[in-house]
Amino acid sequence: MPKRILTGTVTSDKNEQTITVSVERRFKHPLLQKTVRKSKKYRAHDAENKFKVGDTVRIEECAPISKTKRWTVVVDAQA
């Protein structure tokens, strides 16, 4: 099964080797046909403490690293 990759904005980098990423998704309400925005926060592993608040990052599913961390930051060759 392929691993999910999400794109979001870093909202916190206070913890060592951990960032909090807010991922927003948009969808059309089934009855009202209005576009709805929902966001969810994920805690991701950032081994080098490279990312700061406001950065746009891609995160990928992984095996559990701690109680709340199940995502790692994808380091692209371009970045």
N, C-alpha and C. Protein backbone atom coordinates (compact mmCIF):
# COMPACT_ATOMS: atom_id res chain seq x y z
N MET A 1 0.84 -1.19 0.00
CA MET A 1 0.00 0.00 0.00
C MET A 1 0.88 1.24 0.00
N PRO A 2 0.62 2.20 -0.89
CA PRO A 2 1.48 3.39 -0.95
C PRO A 2 1.30 4.28 0.27
N LYS A 3 2.35 5.00 0.59
CA LYS A 3 2.30 5.92 1.72
C LYS A 3 1.67 7.22 1.28
N ARG A 4 0.83 7.80 2.15
CA ARG A 4 0.20 9.07 1.82
C ARG A 4 1.22 10.20 1.98
N ILE A 5 1.11 11.18 1.11
CA ILE A 5 1.94 12.38 1.19
C ILE A 5 1.00 13.58 1.22
N LEU A 6 1.18 14.45 2.23
CA LEU A 6 0.34 15.63 2.39
C LEU A 6 1.21 16.87 2.36
N THR A 7 0.62 17.99 1.96
CA THR A 7 1.33 19.27 1.94
C THR A 7 0.65 20.22 2.92
N GLY A 8 1.45 20.89 3.74
CA GLY A 8 0.88 21.80 4.72
C GLY A 8 1.87 22.85 5.16
N THR A 9 1.46 23.65 6.13
CA THR A 9 2.26 24.75 6.65
C THR A 9 2.69 24.45 8.07
N VAL A 10 3.95 24.73 8.39
CA VAL A 10 4.46 24.51 9.73
C VAL A 10 3.84 25.55 10.67
N THR A 11 3.22 25.07 11.76
CA THR A 11 2.61 25.99 12.73
C THR A 11 3.39 26.06 14.02
N SER A 12 4.25 25.06 14.29
CA SER A 12 5.06 25.08 15.51
C SER A 12 6.34 24.28 15.28
N ASP A 13 7.44 24.80 15.83
CA ASP A 13 8.71 24.08 15.75
C ASP A 13 9.42 24.11 17.11
N LYS A 14 8.67 24.22 18.18
CA LYS A 14 9.25 24.38 19.52
C LYS A 14 9.90 23.11 20.06
N ASN A 15 9.37 21.95 19.68
CA ASN A 15 9.93 20.70 20.19
C ASN A 15 11.15 20.26 19.39
N GLU A 16 12.05 19.55 20.05
CA GLU A 16 13.26 19.05 19.41
C GLU A 16 12.90 17.95 18.43
N GLN A 17 13.33 18.09 17.17
CA GLN A 17 13.13 17.12 16.09
C GLN A 17 11.66 16.88 15.75
N THR A 18 10.79 17.82 16.10
CA THR A 18 9.36 17.68 15.81
C THR A 18 8.80 18.99 15.32
N ILE A 19 7.95 18.93 14.28
CA ILE A 19 7.21 20.11 13.84
C ILE A 19 5.73 19.75 13.80
N THR A 20 4.90 20.76 13.98
CA THR A 20 3.46 20.59 13.83
C THR A 20 3.07 21.21 12.51
N VAL A 21 2.38 20.41 11.68
CA VAL A 21 2.02 20.83 10.33
C VAL A 21 0.50 20.90 10.22
N SER A 22 -0.01 22.03 9.77
CA SER A 22 -1.45 22.20 9.55
C SER A 22 -1.74 21.94 8.08
N VAL A 23 -2.59 20.94 7.82
CA VAL A 23 -2.94 20.56 6.45
C VAL A 23 -4.40 20.93 6.22
N GLU A 24 -4.64 21.71 5.18
CA GLU A 24 -6.00 22.16 4.87
C GLU A 24 -6.54 21.39 3.67
N ARG A 25 -7.79 20.96 3.77
CA ARG A 25 -8.43 20.31 2.63
C ARG A 25 -9.73 21.05 2.32
N ARG A 26 -10.07 21.09 1.06
CA ARG A 26 -11.29 21.76 0.60
C ARG A 26 -12.18 20.75 -0.09
N PHE A 27 -13.48 20.86 0.19
CA PHE A 27 -14.44 19.97 -0.46
C PHE A 27 -15.78 20.68 -0.55
N LYS A 28 -16.61 20.19 -1.41
CA LYS A 28 -17.92 20.78 -1.61
C LYS A 28 -18.92 20.09 -0.68
N HIS A 29 -19.71 20.88 0.06
CA HIS A 29 -20.72 20.34 0.96
C HIS A 29 -21.75 19.58 0.13
N PRO A 30 -22.11 18.35 0.55
CA PRO A 30 -23.00 17.54 -0.27
C PRO A 30 -24.39 18.13 -0.49
N LEU A 31 -24.93 18.84 0.49
CA LEU A 31 -26.27 19.39 0.35
C LEU A 31 -26.26 20.85 -0.09
N LEU A 32 -25.43 21.66 0.55
CA LEU A 32 -25.43 23.11 0.28
C LEU A 32 -24.58 23.50 -0.92
N GLN A 33 -23.74 22.60 -1.41
CA GLN A 33 -22.87 22.85 -2.56
C GLN A 33 -21.92 24.03 -2.34
N LYS A 34 -21.60 24.29 -1.08
CA LYS A 34 -20.67 25.36 -0.74
C LYS A 34 -19.30 24.75 -0.48
N THR A 35 -18.25 25.45 -0.86
CA THR A 35 -16.90 24.96 -0.61
C THR A 35 -16.57 25.13 0.87
N VAL A 36 -16.16 24.03 1.50
CA VAL A 36 -15.85 24.02 2.93
C VAL A 36 -14.36 23.79 3.10
N ARG A 37 -13.75 24.55 4.04
CA ARG A 37 -12.33 24.38 4.34
C ARG A 37 -12.20 23.72 5.70
N LYS A 38 -11.47 22.61 5.76
CA LYS A 38 -11.21 21.95 7.03
C LYS A 38 -9.71 21.78 7.16
N SER A 39 -9.21 21.95 8.37
CA SER A 39 -7.78 21.77 8.58
C SER A 39 -7.56 20.79 9.71
N LYS A 40 -6.42 20.12 9.64
CA LYS A 40 -6.04 19.15 10.65
C LYS A 40 -4.56 19.29 10.90
N LYS A 41 -4.15 19.11 12.15
CA LYS A 41 -2.74 19.23 12.50
C LYS A 41 -2.11 17.85 12.64
N TYR A 42 -0.90 17.73 12.11
CA TYR A 42 -0.13 16.50 12.21
C TYR A 42 1.21 16.84 12.83
N ARG A 43 1.75 15.92 13.64
CA ARG A 43 3.09 16.10 14.19
C ARG A 43 4.03 15.25 13.36
N ALA A 44 5.09 15.87 12.87
CA ALA A 44 6.01 15.20 11.94
C ALA A 44 7.44 15.26 12.47
N HIS A 45 8.22 14.25 12.11
CA HIS A 45 9.62 14.14 12.53
C HIS A 45 10.51 14.98 11.61
N ASP A 46 11.25 15.89 12.22
CA ASP A 46 12.20 16.75 11.49
C ASP A 46 13.56 16.55 12.14
N ALA A 47 14.31 15.57 11.67
CA ALA A 47 15.56 15.15 12.33
C ALA A 47 16.59 16.26 12.46
N GLU A 48 16.65 17.17 11.48
CA GLU A 48 17.70 18.20 11.48
C GLU A 48 17.22 19.55 12.01
N ASN A 49 15.98 19.64 12.49
CA ASN A 49 15.41 20.91 12.96
C ASN A 49 15.57 22.00 11.90
N LYS A 50 15.31 21.64 10.65
CA LYS A 50 15.57 22.52 9.52
C LYS A 50 14.41 23.46 9.23
N PHE A 51 13.18 23.06 9.54
CA PHE A 51 12.00 23.84 9.14
C PHE A 51 11.52 24.75 10.25
N LYS A 52 11.07 25.94 9.86
CA LYS A 52 10.61 26.95 10.82
C LYS A 52 9.13 27.27 10.57
N VAL A 53 8.53 28.00 11.48
CA VAL A 53 7.11 28.37 11.38
C VAL A 53 6.87 29.14 10.09
N GLY A 54 5.83 28.75 9.35
CA GLY A 54 5.48 29.42 8.11
C GLY A 54 5.97 28.70 6.87
N ASP A 55 6.91 27.77 7.00
CA ASP A 55 7.41 27.02 5.86
C ASP A 55 6.33 26.07 5.33
N THR A 56 6.33 25.86 4.02
CA THR A 56 5.46 24.87 3.41
C THR A 56 6.25 23.59 3.24
N VAL A 57 5.72 22.49 3.78
CA VAL A 57 6.44 21.21 3.76
C VAL A 57 5.54 20.09 3.25
N ARG A 58 6.20 19.01 2.81
CA ARG A 58 5.48 17.78 2.44
C ARG A 58 5.80 16.74 3.49
N ILE A 59 4.78 16.05 4.00
CA ILE A 59 4.99 15.03 5.01
C ILE A 59 4.49 13.69 4.48
N GLU A 60 5.14 12.61 4.94
CA GLU A 60 4.84 11.27 4.46
C GLU A 60 4.58 10.36 5.66
N GLU A 61 3.61 9.46 5.50
CA GLU A 61 3.31 8.47 6.53
C GLU A 61 4.52 7.60 6.82
N CYS A 62 4.66 7.17 8.08
CA CYS A 62 5.74 6.27 8.43
C CYS A 62 5.32 5.44 9.64
N ALA A 63 6.18 4.55 10.06
CA ALA A 63 5.92 3.77 11.28
C ALA A 63 5.94 4.72 12.48
N PRO A 64 5.22 4.41 13.55
CA PRO A 64 5.20 5.30 14.72
C PRO A 64 6.59 5.58 15.28
N ILE A 65 6.89 6.86 15.47
CA ILE A 65 8.18 7.28 16.03
C ILE A 65 8.03 7.55 17.52
N SER A 66 6.87 8.09 17.92
CA SER A 66 6.56 8.33 19.32
C SER A 66 5.05 8.19 19.50
N LYS A 67 4.54 8.60 20.63
CA LYS A 67 3.11 8.47 20.91
C LYS A 67 2.25 9.20 19.89
N THR A 68 2.69 10.37 19.45
CA THR A 68 1.88 11.18 18.53
C THR A 68 2.47 11.33 17.13
N LYS A 69 3.72 10.94 16.92
CA LYS A 69 4.36 11.14 15.61
C LYS A 69 4.25 9.91 14.73
N ARG A 70 3.55 10.07 13.60
CA ARG A 70 3.43 9.01 12.61
C ARG A 70 3.75 9.52 11.20
N TRP A 71 4.40 10.67 11.12
CA TRP A 71 4.72 11.30 9.84
C TRP A 71 6.16 11.78 9.88
N THR A 72 6.81 11.81 8.71
CA THR A 72 8.15 12.38 8.58
C THR A 72 8.13 13.41 7.47
N VAL A 73 9.05 14.36 7.53
CA VAL A 73 9.14 15.39 6.51
C VAL A 73 9.86 14.81 5.30
N VAL A 74 9.28 15.04 4.12
CA VAL A 74 9.90 14.57 2.88
C VAL A 74 10.91 15.62 2.44
N VAL A 75 12.16 15.21 2.29
CA VAL A 75 13.21 16.13 1.84
C VAL A 75 13.38 15.92 0.33
N ASP A 76 12.96 16.90 -0.43
CA ASP A 76 13.08 16.83 -1.89
C ASP A 76 14.48 17.21 -2.34
N ALA A 77 14.87 16.74 -3.50
CA ALA A 77 16.18 17.08 -4.06
C ALA A 77 16.23 18.57 -4.43
N GLN A 78 15.05 19.16 -4.76
CA GLN A 78 15.02 20.57 -5.15
C GLN A 78 15.22 21.50 -3.97
N ALA A 79 14.76 21.10 -2.79
CA ALA A 79 14.77 21.99 -1.64
C ALA A 79 16.13 22.13 -1.01
